[in-house]
All heavy atoms as atom14 arrays in JSON, in Angstrom:
{
  "sequence": "VKDTKMSKSLGNVVEPLALKDKYGLSGFRYFLLREMTFGYDSSFSEE",
  "atom14_mask": [
    [1, 1, 1, 1, 1, 1, 1, 0, 0, 0, 0, 0, 0, 0],
    [1, 1, 1, 1, 1, 1, 1, 1, 1, 0, 0, 0, 0, 0],
    [1, 1, 1, 1, 1, 1, 1, 1, 0, 0, 0, 0, 0, 0],
    [1, 1, 1, 1, 1, 1, 1, 0, 0, 0, 0, 0, 0, 0],
    [1, 1, 1, 1, 1, 1, 1, 1, 1, 0, 0, 0, 0, 0],
    [1, 1, 1, 1, 1, 1, 1, 1, 0, 0, 0, 0, 0, 0],
    [1, 1, 1, 1, 1, 1, 0, 0, 0, 0, 0, 0, 0, 0],
    [1, 1, 1, 1, 1, 1, 1, 1, 1, 0, 0, 0, 0, 0],
    [1, 1, 1, 1, 1, 1, 0, 0, 0, 0, 0, 0, 0, 0],
    [1, 1, 1, 1, 1, 1, 1, 1, 0, 0, 0, 0, 0, 0],
    [1, 1, 1, 1, 0, 0, 0, 0, 0, 0, 0, 0, 0, 0],
    [1, 1, 1, 1, 1, 1, 1, 1, 0, 0, 0, 0, 0, 0],
    [1, 1, 1, 1, 1, 1, 1, 0, 0, 0, 0, 0, 0, 0],
    [1, 1, 1, 1, 1, 1, 1, 0, 0, 0, 0, 0, 0, 0],
    [1, 1, 1, 1, 1, 1, 1, 1, 1, 0, 0, 0, 0, 0],
    [1, 1, 1, 1, 1, 1, 1, 0, 0, 0, 0, 0, 0, 0],
    [1, 1, 1, 1, 1, 1, 1, 1, 0, 0, 0, 0, 0, 0],
    [1, 1, 1, 1, 1, 0, 0, 0, 0, 0, 0, 0, 0, 0],
    [1, 1, 1, 1, 1, 1, 1, 1, 0, 0, 0, 0, 0, 0],
    [1, 1, 1, 1, 1, 1, 1, 1, 1, 0, 0, 0, 0, 0],
    [1, 1, 1, 1, 1, 1, 1, 1, 0, 0, 0, 0, 0, 0],
    [1, 1, 1, 1, 1, 1, 1, 1, 1, 0, 0, 0, 0, 0],
    [1, 1, 1, 1, 1, 1, 1, 1, 1, 1, 1, 1, 0, 0],
    [1, 1, 1, 1, 0, 0, 0, 0, 0, 0, 0, 0, 0, 0],
    [1, 1, 1, 1, 1, 1, 1, 1, 0, 0, 0, 0, 0, 0],
    [1, 1, 1, 1, 1, 1, 0, 0, 0, 0, 0, 0, 0, 0],
    [1, 1, 1, 1, 0, 0, 0, 0, 0, 0, 0, 0, 0, 0],
    [1, 1, 1, 1, 1, 1, 1, 1, 1, 1, 1, 0, 0, 0],
    [1, 1, 1, 1, 1, 1, 1, 1, 1, 1, 1, 0, 0, 0],
    [1, 1, 1, 1, 1, 1, 1, 1, 1, 1, 1, 1, 0, 0],
    [1, 1, 1, 1, 1, 1, 1, 1, 1, 1, 1, 0, 0, 0],
    [1, 1, 1, 1, 1, 1, 1, 1, 0, 0, 0, 0, 0, 0],
    [1, 1, 1, 1, 1, 1, 1, 1, 0, 0, 0, 0, 0, 0],
    [1, 1, 1, 1, 1, 1, 1, 1, 1, 1, 1, 0, 0, 0],
    [1, 1, 1, 1, 1, 1, 1, 1, 1, 0, 0, 0, 0, 0],
    [1, 1, 1, 1, 1, 1, 1, 1, 0, 0, 0, 0, 0, 0],
    [1, 1, 1, 1, 1, 1, 1, 0, 0, 0, 0, 0, 0, 0],
    [1, 1, 1, 1, 1, 1, 1, 1, 1, 1, 1, 0, 0, 0],
    [1, 1, 1, 1, 0, 0, 0, 0, 0, 0, 0, 0, 0, 0],
    [1, 1, 1, 1, 1, 1, 1, 1, 1, 1, 1, 1, 0, 0],
    [1, 1, 1, 1, 1, 1, 1, 1, 0, 0, 0, 0, 0, 0],
    [1, 1, 1, 1, 1, 1, 0, 0, 0, 0, 0, 0, 0, 0],
    [1, 1, 1, 1, 1, 1, 0, 0, 0, 0, 0, 0, 0, 0],
    [1, 1, 1, 1, 1, 1, 1, 1, 1, 1, 1, 0, 0, 0],
    [1, 1, 1, 1, 1, 1, 0, 0, 0, 0, 0, 0, 0, 0],
    [1, 1, 1, 1, 1, 1, 1, 1, 1, 0, 0, 0, 0, 0],
    [1, 1, 1, 1, 1, 1, 1, 1, 1, 0, 0, 0, 0, 0]
  ],
  "atom14_positions": [
    [[-6.38, -3.95, 2.98], [-6.21, -3.23, 4.21], [-7.06, -3.78, 5.35], [-8.37, -3.86, 5.23], [-6.59, -1.71, 4.05], [-6.43, -0.9, 5.45], [-5.73, -1.05, 3.04], [0.0, 0.0, 0.0], [0.0, 0.0, 0.0], [0.0, 0.0, 0.0], [0.0, 0.0, 0.0], [0.0, 0.0, 0.0], [0.0, 0.0, 0.0], [0.0, 0.0, 0.0]],
    [[-6.53, -4.38, 6.38], [-7.15, -5.23, 7.36], [-7.99, -6.29, 6.67], [-9.24, -6.45, 7.04], [-8.01, -4.35, 8.26], [-7.31, -3.3, 9.14], [-8.09, -2.49, 10.05], [-7.31, -1.54, 10.9], [-8.22, -0.79, 11.87], [0.0, 0.0, 0.0], [0.0, 0.0, 0.0], [0.0, 0.0, 0.0], [0.0, 0.0, 0.0], [0.0, 0.0, 0.0]],
    [[-7.33, -7.03, 5.76], [-7.98, -8.17, 5.09], [-9.22, -7.74, 4.24], [-9.99, -8.69, 3.85], [-8.38, -9.24, 6.07], [-7.16, -9.82, 6.84], [-6.13, -9.89, 6.28], [-7.35, -10.03, 8.1], [0.0, 0.0, 0.0], [0.0, 0.0, 0.0], [0.0, 0.0, 0.0], [0.0, 0.0, 0.0], [0.0, 0.0, 0.0], [0.0, 0.0, 0.0]],
    [[-9.21, -6.52, 3.82], [-10.38, -6.02, 3.03], [-9.84, -5.25, 1.85], [-8.97, -4.41, 2.0], [-11.34, -5.24, 3.85], [-11.81, -5.98, 5.04], [-12.6, -4.74, 2.99], [0.0, 0.0, 0.0], [0.0, 0.0, 0.0], [0.0, 0.0, 0.0], [0.0, 0.0, 0.0], [0.0, 0.0, 0.0], [0.0, 0.0, 0.0], [0.0, 0.0, 0.0]],
    [[-10.45, -5.5, 0.66], [-10.03, -4.75, -0.5], [-10.31, -3.23, -0.33], [-11.35, -2.86, 0.25], [-10.86, -5.14, -1.75], [-10.45, -4.44, -3.06], [-11.38, -4.87, -4.21], [-11.23, -4.02, -5.37], [-12.2, -4.27, -6.47], [0.0, 0.0, 0.0], [0.0, 0.0, 0.0], [0.0, 0.0, 0.0], [0.0, 0.0, 0.0], [0.0, 0.0, 0.0]],
    [[-9.38, -2.42, -0.81], [-9.54, -0.99, -0.62], [-10.88, -0.46, -1.32], [-11.12, -0.9, -2.42], [-8.29, -0.3, -1.23], [-7.17, -0.12, -0.27], [-5.87, 0.9, -0.84], [-5.39, -0.02, -2.16], [0.0, 0.0, 0.0], [0.0, 0.0, 0.0], [0.0, 0.0, 0.0], [0.0, 0.0, 0.0], [0.0, 0.0, 0.0], [0.0, 0.0, 0.0]],
    [[-11.48, 0.39, -0.66], [-12.81, 0.86, -1.23], [-13.07, 2.24, -0.63], [-13.03, 2.46, 0.47], [-13.97, -0.16, -0.94], [-15.22, 0.48, -1.18], [0.0, 0.0, 0.0], [0.0, 0.0, 0.0], [0.0, 0.0, 0.0], [0.0, 0.0, 0.0], [0.0, 0.0, 0.0], [0.0, 0.0, 0.0], [0.0, 0.0, 0.0], [0.0, 0.0, 0.0]],
    [[-13.5, 3.1, -1.57], [-13.92, 4.5, -1.12], [-15.01, 4.45, -0.17], [-15.01, 5.19, 0.88], [-14.24, 5.28, -2.25], [-14.44, 6.77, -1.86], [-14.93, 7.62, -3.23], [-15.3, 9.05, -2.85], [-15.71, 9.83, -4.12], [0.0, 0.0, 0.0], [0.0, 0.0, 0.0], [0.0, 0.0, 0.0], [0.0, 0.0, 0.0], [0.0, 0.0, 0.0]],
    [[-15.93, 3.57, -0.45], [-17.18, 3.51, 0.44], [-16.83, 2.96, 1.76], [-17.46, 3.27, 2.85], [-18.19, 2.5, -0.18], [-17.71, 1.23, -0.28], [0.0, 0.0, 0.0], [0.0, 0.0, 0.0], [0.0, 0.0, 0.0], [0.0, 0.0, 0.0], [0.0, 0.0, 0.0], [0.0, 0.0, 0.0], [0.0, 0.0, 0.0], [0.0, 0.0, 0.0]],
    [[-15.78, 2.08, 1.97], [-15.36, 1.5, 3.21], [-14.4, 2.6, 4.03], [-14.06, 2.29, 5.2], [-14.65, 0.21, 3.13], [-15.46, -0.94, 2.56], [-14.69, -2.18, 2.31], [-16.65, -1.17, 3.56], [0.0, 0.0, 0.0], [0.0, 0.0, 0.0], [0.0, 0.0, 0.0], [0.0, 0.0, 0.0], [0.0, 0.0, 0.0], [0.0, 0.0, 0.0]],
    [[-13.93, 3.52, 3.35], [-13.01, 4.45, 3.97], [-11.61, 4.04, 4.27], [-10.94, 4.43, 5.24], [0.0, 0.0, 0.0], [0.0, 0.0, 0.0], [0.0, 0.0, 0.0], [0.0, 0.0, 0.0], [0.0, 0.0, 0.0], [0.0, 0.0, 0.0], [0.0, 0.0, 0.0], [0.0, 0.0, 0.0], [0.0, 0.0, 0.0], [0.0, 0.0, 0.0]],
    [[-11.21, 2.95, 3.6], [-9.91, 2.43, 3.78], [-8.87, 2.63, 2.72], [-7.91, 1.87, 2.54], [-10.03, 0.89, 4.05], [-10.4, 0.11, 2.97], [-10.95, 0.61, 1.93], [-10.44, -1.23, 3.03], [0.0, 0.0, 0.0], [0.0, 0.0, 0.0], [0.0, 0.0, 0.0], [0.0, 0.0, 0.0], [0.0, 0.0, 0.0], [0.0, 0.0, 0.0]],
    [[-9.21, 3.65, 1.91], [-8.25, 4.0, 0.68], [-7.0, 4.65, 1.21], [-6.99, 5.5, 2.07], [-8.98, 4.95, -0.27], [-8.11, 5.49, -1.26], [-10.12, 4.24, -0.97], [0.0, 0.0, 0.0], [0.0, 0.0, 0.0], [0.0, 0.0, 0.0], [0.0, 0.0, 0.0], [0.0, 0.0, 0.0], [0.0, 0.0, 0.0], [0.0, 0.0, 0.0]],
    [[-5.84, 4.14, 0.71], [-4.65, 4.61, 1.1], [-4.06, 5.68, 0.03], [-4.12, 5.44, -1.16], [-3.5, 3.47, 1.16], [-2.11, 3.91, 1.53], [-4.05, 2.54, 2.31], [0.0, 0.0, 0.0], [0.0, 0.0, 0.0], [0.0, 0.0, 0.0], [0.0, 0.0, 0.0], [0.0, 0.0, 0.0], [0.0, 0.0, 0.0], [0.0, 0.0, 0.0]],
    [[-3.65, 6.77, 0.55], [-3.18, 7.84, -0.44], [-1.71, 7.79, -0.73], [-0.87, 7.73, 0.15], [-3.37, 9.25, 0.27], [-4.81, 9.58, 0.37], [-5.48, 10.02, -0.95], [-4.8, 10.21, -2.0], [-6.7, 10.02, -0.93], [0.0, 0.0, 0.0], [0.0, 0.0, 0.0], [0.0, 0.0, 0.0], [0.0, 0.0, 0.0], [0.0, 0.0, 0.0]],
    [[-1.28, 7.48, -1.94], [0.05, 7.16, -2.31], [0.98, 8.34, -1.99], [2.3, 8.12, -1.59], [0.06, 6.79, -3.79], [-1.19, 7.47, -4.37], [-2.17, 7.34, -3.19], [0.0, 0.0, 0.0], [0.0, 0.0, 0.0], [0.0, 0.0, 0.0], [0.0, 0.0, 0.0], [0.0, 0.0, 0.0], [0.0, 0.0, 0.0], [0.0, 0.0, 0.0]],
    [[0.61, 9.57, -2.27], [1.63, 10.6, -2.04], [2.04, 10.78, -0.68], [3.17, 11.14, -0.35], [1.0, 11.9, -2.66], [1.14, 12.04, -4.13], [0.48, 13.44, -4.59], [2.46, 11.88, -4.66], [0.0, 0.0, 0.0], [0.0, 0.0, 0.0], [0.0, 0.0, 0.0], [0.0, 0.0, 0.0], [0.0, 0.0, 0.0], [0.0, 0.0, 0.0]],
    [[1.12, 10.6, 0.28], [1.49, 10.73, 1.75], [2.55, 9.66, 2.03], [3.51, 10.1, 2.85], [0.23, 10.46, 2.58], [0.0, 0.0, 0.0], [0.0, 0.0, 0.0], [0.0, 0.0, 0.0], [0.0, 0.0, 0.0], [0.0, 0.0, 0.0], [0.0, 0.0, 0.0], [0.0, 0.0, 0.0], [0.0, 0.0, 0.0], [0.0, 0.0, 0.0]],
    [[2.52, 8.49, 1.47], [3.57, 7.5, 1.82], [4.84, 7.86, 1.12], [6.0, 7.7, 1.69], [3.04, 6.1, 1.43], [1.91, 5.61, 2.17], [1.26, 4.33, 1.54], [2.24, 5.32, 3.65], [0.0, 0.0, 0.0], [0.0, 0.0, 0.0], [0.0, 0.0, 0.0], [0.0, 0.0, 0.0], [0.0, 0.0, 0.0], [0.0, 0.0, 0.0]],
    [[4.76, 8.33, -0.06], [5.93, 8.67, -0.81], [6.67, 9.81, -0.12], [7.93, 9.78, -0.16], [5.53, 9.07, -2.21], [6.66, 9.74, -3.06], [6.34, 11.24, -3.27], [7.39, 11.83, -4.06], [7.26, 13.28, -4.27], [0.0, 0.0, 0.0], [0.0, 0.0, 0.0], [0.0, 0.0, 0.0], [0.0, 0.0, 0.0], [0.0, 0.0, 0.0]],
    [[5.91, 10.75, 0.42], [6.59, 11.94, 0.98], [7.2, 11.47, 2.32], [8.36, 12.04, 2.68], [5.58, 12.98, 1.24], [5.0, 13.72, 0.04], [5.72, 13.49, -1.08], [3.94, 14.35, 0.09], [0.0, 0.0, 0.0], [0.0, 0.0, 0.0], [0.0, 0.0, 0.0], [0.0, 0.0, 0.0], [0.0, 0.0, 0.0], [0.0, 0.0, 0.0]],
    [[6.69, 10.48, 2.97], [7.24, 10.11, 4.33], [8.36, 9.13, 4.07], [9.46, 9.28, 4.86], [6.2, 9.42, 5.16], [6.6, 9.05, 6.52], [5.52, 8.53, 7.36], [5.85, 8.28, 8.75], [4.85, 7.7, 9.67], [0.0, 0.0, 0.0], [0.0, 0.0, 0.0], [0.0, 0.0, 0.0], [0.0, 0.0, 0.0], [0.0, 0.0, 0.0]],
    [[8.37, 8.27, 3.19], [9.34, 7.2, 3.15], [10.26, 7.41, 1.86], [11.17, 6.68, 1.63], [8.68, 5.79, 2.98], [7.97, 5.43, 4.3], [6.71, 5.8, 4.56], [8.79, 4.77, 5.32], [6.03, 5.38, 5.71], [8.14, 4.42, 6.55], [6.78, 4.75, 6.62], [6.22, 4.45, 7.89], [0.0, 0.0, 0.0], [0.0, 0.0, 0.0]],
    [[10.02, 8.39, 1.15], [10.75, 8.6, -0.07], [10.32, 7.85, -1.27], [9.7, 6.75, -1.1], [0.0, 0.0, 0.0], [0.0, 0.0, 0.0], [0.0, 0.0, 0.0], [0.0, 0.0, 0.0], [0.0, 0.0, 0.0], [0.0, 0.0, 0.0], [0.0, 0.0, 0.0], [0.0, 0.0, 0.0], [0.0, 0.0, 0.0], [0.0, 0.0, 0.0]],
    [[10.41, 8.42, -2.35], [9.98, 7.71, -3.59], [10.59, 6.34, -3.84], [9.93, 5.32, -4.12], [10.37, 8.57, -4.86], [9.97, 7.93, -6.29], [8.43, 7.65, -6.21], [10.24, 8.94, -7.31], [0.0, 0.0, 0.0], [0.0, 0.0, 0.0], [0.0, 0.0, 0.0], [0.0, 0.0, 0.0], [0.0, 0.0, 0.0], [0.0, 0.0, 0.0]],
    [[11.94, 6.24, -3.57], [12.58, 4.96, -3.75], [12.07, 3.94, -2.78], [11.79, 2.85, -3.14], [14.07, 5.13, -3.59], [14.56, 6.01, -4.71], [0.0, 0.0, 0.0], [0.0, 0.0, 0.0], [0.0, 0.0, 0.0], [0.0, 0.0, 0.0], [0.0, 0.0, 0.0], [0.0, 0.0, 0.0], [0.0, 0.0, 0.0], [0.0, 0.0, 0.0]],
    [[11.96, 4.33, -1.46], [11.39, 3.4, -0.56], [9.98, 2.91, -0.78], [9.69, 1.7, -0.59], [0.0, 0.0, 0.0], [0.0, 0.0, 0.0], [0.0, 0.0, 0.0], [0.0, 0.0, 0.0], [0.0, 0.0, 0.0], [0.0, 0.0, 0.0], [0.0, 0.0, 0.0], [0.0, 0.0, 0.0], [0.0, 0.0, 0.0], [0.0, 0.0, 0.0]],
    [[9.16, 3.85, -1.24], [7.77, 3.55, -1.6], [7.65, 2.55, -2.7], [7.0, 1.58, -2.68], [7.0, 4.86, -1.87], [5.56, 4.73, -2.3], [4.79, 3.99, -1.29], [5.13, 5.18, -3.34], [3.32, 3.83, -1.68], [3.72, 4.94, -3.76], [2.95, 4.34, -2.95], [0.0, 0.0, 0.0], [0.0, 0.0, 0.0], [0.0, 0.0, 0.0]],
    [[8.49, 2.89, -3.86], [8.35, 2.01, -5.05], [8.97, 0.62, -4.67], [8.43, -0.4, -5.02], [9.27, 2.64, -6.14], [8.51, 3.84, -6.94], [9.4, 4.32, -7.85], [9.82, 3.41, -8.9], [9.42, 3.48, -10.22], [8.55, 4.46, -10.52], [9.81, 2.54, -11.12], [0.0, 0.0, 0.0], [0.0, 0.0, 0.0], [0.0, 0.0, 0.0]],
    [[10.05, 0.62, -3.79], [10.64, -0.67, -3.52], [9.72, -1.51, -2.66], [9.48, -2.74, -3.05], [11.85, -0.37, -2.65], [12.51, -1.74, -2.13], [13.31, -2.61, -2.94], [12.19, -2.29, -0.87], [13.87, -3.69, -2.46], [12.79, -3.46, -0.44], [13.57, -4.29, -1.27], [14.13, -5.44, -0.83], [0.0, 0.0, 0.0], [0.0, 0.0, 0.0]],
    [[8.94, -0.99, -1.81], [7.97, -1.68, -1.0], [6.91, -2.32, -1.85], [6.59, -3.55, -1.62], [7.35, -0.86, 0.1], [6.21, -1.48, 0.84], [6.58, -2.42, 1.83], [4.84, -1.28, 0.52], [5.58, -3.05, 2.56], [3.95, -1.87, 1.19], [4.26, -2.85, 2.28], [0.0, 0.0, 0.0], [0.0, 0.0, 0.0], [0.0, 0.0, 0.0]],
    [[6.32, -1.54, -2.76], [5.17, -2.09, -3.56], [5.68, -3.2, -4.48], [4.97, -4.13, -4.6], [4.68, -0.99, -4.46], [3.93, 0.13, -3.83], [3.43, 1.19, -4.78], [2.85, -0.3, -2.84], [0.0, 0.0, 0.0], [0.0, 0.0, 0.0], [0.0, 0.0, 0.0], [0.0, 0.0, 0.0], [0.0, 0.0, 0.0], [0.0, 0.0, 0.0]],
    [[6.95, -3.17, -4.92], [7.38, -4.17, -5.8], [7.97, -5.41, -5.12], [8.09, -6.46, -5.76], [8.45, -3.58, -6.85], [7.83, -2.44, -7.77], [9.04, -1.83, -8.6], [6.85, -3.03, -8.71], [0.0, 0.0, 0.0], [0.0, 0.0, 0.0], [0.0, 0.0, 0.0], [0.0, 0.0, 0.0], [0.0, 0.0, 0.0], [0.0, 0.0, 0.0]],
    [[8.34, -5.16, -3.89], [8.95, -6.25, -3.03], [7.97, -7.05, -2.33], [8.03, -8.21, -2.04], [9.94, -5.74, -2.15], [10.71, -6.75, -1.22], [11.42, -7.82, -1.94], [11.98, -8.8, -1.2], [11.35, -9.79, -0.61], [10.02, -10.05, -0.97], [11.94, -10.76, 0.15], [0.0, 0.0, 0.0], [0.0, 0.0, 0.0], [0.0, 0.0, 0.0]],
    [[6.85, -6.44, -1.89], [5.96, -6.94, -0.85], [4.87, -7.87, -1.53], [4.43, -8.83, -0.83], [5.25, -5.81, 0.04], [4.64, -6.3, 1.31], [5.67, -6.67, 2.33], [6.88, -6.38, 2.18], [5.31, -7.18, 3.32], [0.0, 0.0, 0.0], [0.0, 0.0, 0.0], [0.0, 0.0, 0.0], [0.0, 0.0, 0.0], [0.0, 0.0, 0.0]],
    [[4.44, -7.61, -2.71], [3.3, -8.39, -3.33], [3.91, -9.39, -4.2], [4.52, -9.09, -5.22], [2.47, -7.4, -4.07], [1.3, -8.22, -4.77], [0.1, -7.16, -5.71], [-0.9, -6.54, -4.44], [0.0, 0.0, 0.0], [0.0, 0.0, 0.0], [0.0, 0.0, 0.0], [0.0, 0.0, 0.0], [0.0, 0.0, 0.0], [0.0, 0.0, 0.0]],
    [[3.56, -10.66, -3.91], [3.86, -11.72, -4.83], [2.97, -11.67, -5.97], [1.72, -11.68, -5.81], [3.72, -13.07, -4.11], [4.69, -13.17, -3.02], [4.0, -14.26, -5.02], [0.0, 0.0, 0.0], [0.0, 0.0, 0.0], [0.0, 0.0, 0.0], [0.0, 0.0, 0.0], [0.0, 0.0, 0.0], [0.0, 0.0, 0.0], [0.0, 0.0, 0.0]],
    [[3.45, -11.69, -7.17], [2.69, -11.41, -8.44], [1.5, -12.46, -8.56], [1.77, -13.55, -8.41], [3.47, -11.47, -9.66], [2.69, -10.9, -10.81], [2.34, -9.56, -10.88], [2.36, -11.66, -11.84], [1.59, -9.04, -11.96], [1.67, -11.23, -12.99], [1.26, -9.9, -13.06], [0.0, 0.0, 0.0], [0.0, 0.0, 0.0], [0.0, 0.0, 0.0]],
    [[0.25, -11.97, -8.7], [-0.88, -12.8, -8.83], [-1.66, -13.06, -7.54], [-2.77, -13.51, -7.57], [0.0, 0.0, 0.0], [0.0, 0.0, 0.0], [0.0, 0.0, 0.0], [0.0, 0.0, 0.0], [0.0, 0.0, 0.0], [0.0, 0.0, 0.0], [0.0, 0.0, 0.0], [0.0, 0.0, 0.0], [0.0, 0.0, 0.0], [0.0, 0.0, 0.0]],
    [[-1.05, -12.63, -6.39], [-1.78, -12.93, -5.11], [-2.13, -11.62, -4.44], [-1.34, -10.53, -4.63], [-0.93, -13.83, -4.31], [-0.65, -15.18, -4.86], [0.31, -15.44, -5.82], [-1.64, -16.17, -4.65], [0.54, -16.64, -6.32], [-1.38, -17.42, -5.2], [-0.38, -17.62, -6.05], [-0.19, -18.96, -6.55], [0.0, 0.0, 0.0], [0.0, 0.0, 0.0]],
    [[-3.0, -11.63, -3.48], [-3.33, -10.48, -2.64], [-2.2, -10.25, -1.6], [-1.44, -11.23, -1.36], [-4.57, -10.73, -1.95], [-5.74, -10.81, -2.89], [-5.68, -10.34, -4.05], [-6.92, -11.19, -2.37], [0.0, 0.0, 0.0], [0.0, 0.0, 0.0], [0.0, 0.0, 0.0], [0.0, 0.0, 0.0], [0.0, 0.0, 0.0], [0.0, 0.0, 0.0]],
    [[-2.03, -9.03, -1.29], [-1.1, -8.7, -0.17], [-1.7, -7.71, 0.77], [-2.33, -6.85, 0.43], [0.14, -8.12, -0.85], [1.24, -7.88, 0.12], [0.0, 0.0, 0.0], [0.0, 0.0, 0.0], [0.0, 0.0, 0.0], [0.0, 0.0, 0.0], [0.0, 0.0, 0.0], [0.0, 0.0, 0.0], [0.0, 0.0, 0.0], [0.0, 0.0, 0.0]],
    [[-1.38, -7.86, 2.06], [-1.83, -6.9, 3.06], [-1.02, -5.71, 3.14], [0.26, -5.81, 3.26], [-1.89, -7.63, 4.4], [-2.93, -8.72, 4.34], [0.0, 0.0, 0.0], [0.0, 0.0, 0.0], [0.0, 0.0, 0.0], [0.0, 0.0, 0.0], [0.0, 0.0, 0.0], [0.0, 0.0, 0.0], [0.0, 0.0, 0.0], [0.0, 0.0, 0.0]],
    [[-1.59, -4.57, 3.19], [-0.81, -3.32, 3.29], [-0.93, -2.65, 4.75], [-2.07, -2.77, 5.28], [-1.32, -2.23, 2.3], [-0.66, -0.93, 2.66], [0.57, -0.6, 2.07], [-1.25, 0.05, 3.47], [1.28, 0.53, 2.37], [-0.69, 1.28, 3.78], [0.63, 1.41, 3.21], [0.0, 0.0, 0.0], [0.0, 0.0, 0.0], [0.0, 0.0, 0.0]],
    [[0.15, -2.27, 5.24], [0.15, -1.56, 6.51], [1.35, -0.69, 6.53], [2.49, -0.94, 5.85], [0.13, -2.45, 7.83], [1.34, -3.07, 7.98], [0.0, 0.0, 0.0], [0.0, 0.0, 0.0], [0.0, 0.0, 0.0], [0.0, 0.0, 0.0], [0.0, 0.0, 0.0], [0.0, 0.0, 0.0], [0.0, 0.0, 0.0], [0.0, 0.0, 0.0]],
    [[1.22, 0.42, 7.11], [2.47, 1.37, 7.19], [3.57, 0.76, 8.04], [4.73, 0.9, 7.85], [2.07, 2.7, 7.8], [3.18, 3.69, 7.68], [2.84, 5.09, 8.08], [1.65, 5.33, 8.32], [3.73, 6.01, 8.32], [0.0, 0.0, 0.0], [0.0, 0.0, 0.0], [0.0, 0.0, 0.0], [0.0, 0.0, 0.0], [0.0, 0.0, 0.0]],
    [[3.15, -0.07, 9.07], [4.1, -0.83, 9.83], [5.02, -1.72, 8.96], [6.23, -1.89, 9.21], [3.41, -1.62, 10.96], [2.88, -0.73, 12.04], [1.51, -0.2, 11.7], [1.03, -0.49, 10.68], [0.89, 0.56, 12.54], [0.0, 0.0, 0.0], [0.0, 0.0, 0.0], [0.0, 0.0, 0.0], [0.0, 0.0, 0.0], [0.0, 0.0, 0.0]]
  ]
}
């Protein structure tokens, strides 16, 4: 998130249920499996 690993101490943790409720379960799952190339880091943003 903004080029930084998610961390509770940094306050940049993303809540999965909020995204699932907004974009639907299918859309949320599709994004996670489509956006990250396996083995490499990926940037998350709601945009």
